[in-house]
Protein backbone atom coordinates (compact mmCIF):
# COMPACT_ATOMS: atom_id res chain seq x y z
CA UNK A 1 -68.35 -16.34 -82.30
CA UNK A 2 -68.70 -18.30 -79.06
CA UNK A 3 -65.93 -20.62 -80.26
CA UNK A 4 -63.50 -17.73 -79.88
CA UNK A 5 -64.03 -17.35 -76.12
CA UNK A 6 -61.50 -20.08 -75.20
CA UNK A 7 -58.88 -18.25 -77.25
CA UNK A 8 -59.75 -14.95 -75.54
CA UNK A 9 -59.45 -16.58 -72.11
CA UNK A 10 -56.05 -18.01 -73.03
CA UNK A 11 -54.86 -14.59 -74.21
CA UNK A 12 -56.04 -13.04 -70.96
CA UNK A 13 -54.35 -15.76 -68.90
CA UNK A 14 -51.06 -15.19 -70.74
CA UNK A 15 -51.44 -11.43 -70.26
CA UNK A 16 -51.13 -11.94 -66.48
CA UNK A 17 -47.56 -13.13 -66.99
CA UNK A 18 -46.87 -10.21 -69.34
CA UNK A 19 -48.13 -7.66 -66.81
CA UNK A 20 -46.11 -9.39 -64.08
CA UNK A 21 -42.94 -9.10 -66.19
CA UNK A 22 -43.63 -5.40 -66.82
CA UNK A 23 -44.17 -4.82 -63.09
CA UNK A 24 -40.89 -6.65 -62.37
CA UNK A 25 -39.01 -4.35 -64.77
CA UNK A 26 -40.43 -1.20 -63.16
CA UNK A 27 -39.81 -2.51 -59.63
CA UNK A 28 -36.21 -3.41 -60.50
CA UNK A 29 -35.60 0.01 -62.03
CA UNK A 30 -36.95 1.79 -58.92
CA UNK A 31 -34.99 -0.57 -56.64
CA UNK A 32 -31.65 0.06 -58.36
CA UNK A 33 -32.19 3.72 -59.25
CA UNK A 34 -29.86 4.89 -56.48
CA UNK A 35 -27.09 2.54 -57.63
CA UNK A 36 -27.67 3.58 -61.23
CA UNK A 37 -27.25 7.26 -60.43
CA UNK A 38 -24.15 6.64 -58.31
CA UNK A 39 -22.42 4.05 -60.51
CA UNK A 40 -23.56 4.99 -64.02
CA UNK A 41 -24.79 8.56 -64.43
CA UNK A 42 -22.15 10.21 -62.24
CA UNK A 43 -19.23 8.24 -63.72
CA UNK A 44 -17.25 8.82 -66.87
CA UNK A 45 -19.05 7.41 -69.89
CA UNK A 46 -17.66 4.23 -71.41
CA UNK A 47 -18.73 1.24 -73.49
CA UNK A 48 -20.26 -0.42 -70.42
CA UNK A 49 -22.31 2.71 -69.75
CA UNK A 50 -23.77 2.58 -73.25
CA UNK A 51 -24.48 -1.15 -72.91
CA UNK A 52 -26.19 -0.63 -69.55
CA UNK A 53 -28.44 2.17 -70.78
CA UNK A 54 -29.23 0.21 -73.95
CA UNK A 55 -30.45 -2.71 -71.85
CA UNK A 56 -32.57 -0.44 -69.67
CA UNK A 57 -34.22 1.25 -72.66
CA UNK A 58 -34.80 -1.92 -74.66
CA UNK A 59 -36.21 -3.63 -71.57
CA UNK A 60 -38.86 -0.97 -71.10
CA UNK A 61 -39.68 -0.85 -74.83
CA UNK A 62 -39.89 -4.65 -75.06
CA UNK A 63 -42.20 -5.08 -72.07
CA UNK A 64 -44.42 -2.13 -73.00
CA UNK A 65 -44.83 -3.43 -76.56
CA UNK A 66 -45.59 -6.90 -75.20
CA UNK A 67 -48.26 -5.44 -72.92
CA UNK A 68 -49.80 -3.52 -75.83
CA UNK A 69 -49.77 -6.69 -77.94
CA UNK A 70 -51.30 -8.94 -75.30
CA UNK A 71 -53.86 -6.85 -73.45
CA UNK A 72 -57.28 -6.28 -75.04
CA UNK A 73 -57.93 -2.75 -76.24
CA UNK A 74 -60.74 -0.62 -77.59
CA UNK A 75 -58.82 0.81 -80.52
CA UNK A 76 -56.26 -1.06 -82.61
CA UNK A 77 -55.46 -1.37 -86.31
CA UNK A 78 -53.57 -3.90 -88.40
CA UNK A 79 -50.80 -1.34 -88.89
CA UNK A 80 -50.37 -0.70 -85.17
CA UNK A 81 -50.31 -4.44 -84.47
CA UNK A 82 -47.63 -4.93 -87.14
CA UNK A 83 -45.55 -2.07 -85.69
CA UNK A 84 -45.80 -3.58 -82.21
CA UNK A 85 -44.76 -6.98 -83.57
CA UNK A 86 -41.63 -5.65 -85.24
CA UNK A 87 -40.89 -3.46 -82.22
CA UNK A 88 -40.82 -6.60 -80.08
CA UNK A 89 -38.60 -8.42 -82.57
CA UNK A 90 -36.21 -5.47 -82.97
CA UNK A 91 -35.73 -4.84 -79.26
CA UNK A 92 -35.19 -8.57 -78.69
CA UNK A 93 -32.41 -8.63 -81.31
CA UNK A 94 -30.75 -5.53 -79.82
CA UNK A 95 -31.02 -6.81 -76.23
CA UNK A 96 -29.51 -10.18 -77.10
CA UNK A 97 -26.66 -8.49 -78.99
CA UNK A 98 -25.94 -6.18 -76.04
CA UNK A 99 -26.00 -9.08 -73.58
CA UNK A 100 -23.68 -10.97 -75.92
CA UNK A 101 -21.14 -8.14 -75.81
CA UNK A 102 -21.35 -8.01 -72.01
CA UNK A 103 -20.78 -11.77 -71.77
CA UNK A 104 -17.83 -11.56 -74.17
CA UNK A 105 -16.19 -8.89 -72.00
CA UNK A 106 -16.70 -10.91 -68.83
CA UNK A 107 -15.65 -14.26 -70.31
CA UNK A 108 -12.60 -12.57 -71.83
CA UNK A 109 -11.65 -11.45 -68.32
CA UNK A 110 -12.38 -14.91 -66.88
CA UNK A 111 -10.13 -16.56 -69.44
CA UNK A 112 -7.26 -14.24 -68.50
CA UNK A 113 -7.75 -12.05 -71.58
CA UNK A 114 -7.13 -14.87 -74.05
CA UNK A 115 -7.05 -13.47 -77.59
CA UNK A 116 -8.18 -16.78 -79.11
CA UNK A 117 -11.22 -16.91 -76.84
CA UNK A 118 -12.04 -13.29 -77.68
CA UNK A 119 -11.88 -13.93 -81.43
CA UNK A 120 -14.00 -17.08 -81.11
CA UNK A 121 -16.71 -15.34 -79.07
CA UNK A 122 -16.82 -12.25 -81.29
CA UNK A 123 -17.13 -14.30 -84.49
CA UNK A 124 -19.80 -16.54 -82.94
CA UNK A 125 -21.85 -13.60 -81.65
CA UNK A 126 -21.50 -11.67 -84.92
CA UNK A 127 -22.65 -14.66 -86.97
CA UNK A 128 -25.56 -15.40 -84.64
CA UNK A 129 -26.67 -11.74 -84.60
CA UNK A 130 -26.51 -11.45 -88.39
CA UNK A 131 -28.54 -14.62 -88.91
CA UNK A 132 -31.02 -13.62 -86.21
CA UNK A 133 -31.44 -10.16 -87.78
CA UNK A 134 -31.89 -11.57 -91.29
CA UNK A 135 -34.54 -14.01 -90.06
CA UNK A 136 -36.43 -11.22 -88.29
CA UNK A 137 -36.13 -8.79 -91.24
CA UNK A 138 -37.13 -11.25 -93.98
CA UNK A 139 -39.97 -12.90 -92.09
CA UNK A 140 -43.44 -12.63 -93.57
CA UNK A 141 -45.03 -12.17 -90.17
CA UNK A 142 -47.27 -9.24 -89.41
CA UNK A 143 -49.87 -8.25 -86.87
CA UNK A 144 -53.58 -8.32 -87.54
CA UNK A 145 -56.42 -6.90 -85.49
CA UNK A 146 -59.16 -9.26 -84.42
CA UNK A 147 -62.39 -7.94 -82.90
CA UNK A 148 -64.55 -10.23 -80.78
CA UNK A 149 -67.54 -8.79 -78.94
CA UNK A 150 -66.04 -5.31 -79.19
CA UNK A 151 -62.67 -6.45 -77.81
CA UNK A 152 -59.70 -5.56 -80.03
CA UNK A 153 -56.81 -7.97 -79.88
CA UNK A 154 -53.56 -8.28 -81.85
CA UNK A 155 -52.73 -11.61 -83.38
CA UNK A 156 -49.78 -12.70 -85.58
CA UNK A 157 -50.41 -13.79 -89.14
CA UNK A 158 -48.07 -15.64 -91.48
CA UNK A 159 -45.86 -18.69 -91.23
CA UNK A 160 -43.95 -17.96 -88.03
CA UNK A 161 -43.30 -21.42 -86.57
CA UNK A 162 -40.19 -22.27 -88.60
CA UNK A 163 -38.74 -18.78 -88.19
CA UNK A 164 -39.27 -18.80 -84.44
CA UNK A 165 -37.72 -22.25 -84.21
CA UNK A 166 -34.65 -21.19 -86.18
CA UNK A 167 -34.22 -17.96 -84.21
CA UNK A 168 -34.56 -19.70 -80.85
CA UNK A 169 -32.24 -22.47 -82.00
CA UNK A 170 -29.51 -19.95 -82.81
CA UNK A 171 -30.07 -18.05 -79.58
CA UNK A 172 -30.02 -21.27 -77.54
CA UNK A 173 -26.79 -22.40 -79.23
CA UNK A 174 -25.10 -19.14 -78.20
CA UNK A 175 -26.50 -19.36 -74.66
CA UNK A 176 -25.38 -22.96 -74.18
CA UNK A 177 -21.90 -22.20 -75.56
CA UNK A 178 -21.29 -19.27 -73.22
CA UNK A 179 -22.86 -21.18 -70.34
CA UNK A 180 -20.50 -24.15 -70.88
CA UNK A 181 -17.50 -21.81 -71.12
CA UNK A 182 -18.46 -20.12 -67.85
CA UNK A 183 -19.05 -23.45 -66.08
CA UNK A 184 -15.71 -24.78 -67.29
CA UNK A 185 -13.75 -21.82 -65.99
CA UNK A 186 -15.61 -22.03 -62.65
CA UNK A 187 -14.71 -25.72 -62.36
CA UNK A 188 -11.11 -24.82 -63.14
CA UNK A 189 -11.19 -22.14 -60.45
CA UNK A 190 -12.62 -24.54 -57.86
CA UNK A 191 -9.84 -27.03 -58.64
CA UNK A 192 -7.21 -24.35 -58.09
CA UNK A 193 -8.74 -23.50 -54.73
CA UNK A 194 -7.64 -26.95 -53.49
CA UNK A 195 -4.04 -26.14 -54.32
CA UNK A 196 -1.64 -24.22 -52.03
CA UNK A 197 -2.25 -20.49 -51.94
CA UNK A 198 1.09 -19.85 -53.60
CA UNK A 199 -0.12 -21.60 -56.74
CA UNK A 200 -3.32 -19.67 -57.08
CA UNK A 201 -3.35 -17.44 -60.13
CA UNK A 202 -6.83 -15.98 -59.69
CA UNK A 203 -7.55 -12.93 -57.61
CA UNK A 204 -10.46 -11.12 -56.02
CA UNK A 205 -11.64 -9.72 -59.33
CA UNK A 206 -12.17 -13.21 -60.72
CA UNK A 207 -14.10 -14.27 -57.63
CA UNK A 208 -16.37 -11.26 -58.04
CA UNK A 209 -16.98 -12.20 -61.66
CA UNK A 210 -18.04 -15.70 -60.62
CA UNK A 211 -20.24 -14.52 -57.76
CA UNK A 212 -22.07 -11.99 -59.91
CA UNK A 213 -22.51 -14.58 -62.64
CA UNK A 214 -24.25 -17.09 -60.37
CA UNK A 215 -27.85 -15.87 -60.47
CA UNK A 216 -27.55 -14.70 -64.06
CA UNK A 217 -26.44 -18.09 -65.34
CA UNK A 218 -29.14 -19.88 -63.34
CA UNK A 219 -31.69 -17.82 -65.25
CA UNK A 220 -29.58 -18.27 -68.39
CA UNK A 221 -29.76 -22.05 -68.07
CA UNK A 222 -33.49 -21.93 -67.29
CA UNK A 223 -34.23 -19.88 -70.41
CA UNK A 224 -32.10 -22.19 -72.56
CA UNK A 225 -33.98 -25.25 -71.25
CA UNK A 226 -37.36 -23.56 -71.75
CA UNK A 227 -36.41 -22.54 -75.29
CA UNK A 228 -35.40 -26.10 -76.09
CA UNK A 229 -38.62 -27.40 -74.54
CA UNK A 230 -40.70 -25.01 -76.62
CA UNK A 231 -39.40 -26.72 -79.77
CA UNK A 232 -41.33 -29.84 -78.81
CA UNK A 233 -44.36 -30.37 -81.10
CA UNK A 234 -46.59 -31.29 -78.16
CA UNK A 235 -46.22 -29.41 -74.88
CA UNK A 236 -49.71 -30.09 -73.59
CA UNK A 237 -53.21 -28.67 -73.59
CA UNK A 238 -53.79 -25.04 -74.65
CA UNK A 239 -53.81 -23.82 -71.05
CA UNK A 240 -50.56 -25.65 -70.37
CA UNK A 241 -49.03 -24.01 -73.44
CA UNK A 242 -49.99 -20.55 -72.20
CA UNK A 243 -48.56 -21.31 -68.74
CA UNK A 244 -45.35 -22.60 -70.35
CA UNK A 245 -44.89 -19.53 -72.53
CA UNK A 246 -45.86 -17.28 -69.63
CA UNK A 247 -43.08 -18.76 -67.50
CA UNK A 248 -40.72 -18.40 -70.47
CA UNK A 249 -41.71 -14.74 -70.78
CA UNK A 250 -40.93 -14.08 -67.11
CA UNK A 251 -37.64 -15.98 -67.27
CA UNK A 252 -36.50 -14.11 -70.39
CA UNK A 253 -37.36 -10.71 -68.92
CA UNK A 254 -35.56 -11.56 -65.69
CA UNK A 255 -32.49 -12.84 -67.52
CA UNK A 256 -32.19 -10.05 -70.10
CA UNK A 257 -33.49 -6.92 -68.41
CA UNK A 258 -33.10 -7.52 -64.66
CA UNK A 259 -30.05 -9.74 -64.13
CA UNK A 260 -28.35 -8.43 -67.30
CA UNK A 261 -27.95 -4.83 -66.08
CA UNK A 262 -26.95 -6.15 -62.66
CA UNK A 263 -23.88 -7.74 -64.26
CA UNK A 264 -22.64 -4.23 -64.98
CA UNK A 265 -23.78 -2.68 -61.69
CA UNK A 266 -22.06 -5.39 -59.64
CA UNK A 267 -18.69 -4.86 -61.32
CA UNK A 268 -19.07 -1.07 -61.11
CA UNK A 269 -19.82 -1.42 -57.39
CA UNK A 270 -16.75 -3.63 -56.90
CA UNK A 271 -14.48 -1.16 -58.69
CA UNK A 272 -15.98 1.72 -56.69
CA UNK A 273 -15.27 -0.08 -53.41
CA UNK A 274 -11.75 -0.92 -54.53
CA UNK A 275 -11.09 2.71 -55.43
CA UNK A 276 -12.45 3.88 -52.07
CA UNK A 277 -10.35 1.37 -50.13
CA UNK A 278 -7.29 2.29 -52.22
CA UNK A 279 -7.80 5.98 -51.45
CA UNK A 280 -8.20 5.19 -47.74
CA UNK A 281 -4.99 3.13 -47.72
CA UNK A 282 -3.17 5.92 -49.55
CA UNK A 283 -4.42 8.53 -47.06
CA UNK A 284 -3.42 6.32 -44.11
CA UNK A 285 0.06 5.69 -45.57
CA UNK A 286 0.48 9.42 -46.19
CA UNK A 287 -0.50 10.26 -42.60
CA UNK A 288 1.90 7.64 -41.21
CA UNK A 289 4.71 8.88 -43.46
CA UNK A 290 4.12 12.49 -42.45
CA UNK A 291 4.10 11.48 -38.78
CA UNK A 292 7.39 9.62 -39.13
CA UNK A 293 8.91 12.54 -41.02
CA UNK A 294 7.88 15.00 -38.30
CA UNK A 295 9.37 12.77 -35.57
CA UNK A 296 12.58 12.36 -37.52
CA UNK A 297 12.84 16.10 -38.09
CA UNK A 298 12.12 16.90 -34.47
CA UNK A 299 14.73 14.49 -33.16
CA UNK A 300 17.45 15.95 -35.34
CA UNK A 301 16.89 19.51 -34.29
């Protein structure tokens, strides 16, 4: 039994990263609650509203299930561990699909609403989501309860290495593809900035898209690199492996459930400011027009 203590210590060390990711989700939700109420709940419902709320809900479910899986407990069963495992897998599939739709909408706008680019991205995302779902649904992985010195802990059972590798390979391929497309259009935009202003074809909306993409794609690239690194057969000692996967856990949570919803909030905030400024310009023009009309009428009397 004493041989199991190193494994318990590694689980506990990894759980620190899991708790930190859960705390980050809650802190982010509290921090942006005012924006969410103003820009989401009080606005007319649309596809982006559904995508935003889906990310918020799946983020909380994913992190809570990860906490339940990782932290030691006093009462667990094999069935509850299996449910938690599939809950994690299901929310991950849904979150990645939702983020894929958001990226398609934004890249479609960046590429000046190119129909070819839209078809390519939709087909790619659909194929990746179907394969990812089939892998998760047909996997022979389940959760099992292990009890060591009265401590109940969930642990996966079954051949999961190949399935995880295939799933992450597909996810990384999609991430790298969209990342390269975004970098290419940014490079194109920076080249156009060197040209005379009369030749510029990109407006403020495009600049906002790029600015709001910056932090997201930094995390996007980090997660892609970490996913590729995790495919290596030898990462290091057991403690190094737990640190590596802990950092990957934090990076994934930040990318999917913190920076992901901010992609929608940032555009909503931009549109809200544009509408406010447009209304102010309209009111000012109306006041000036009324003033000129009154002067013209007074002078003719």
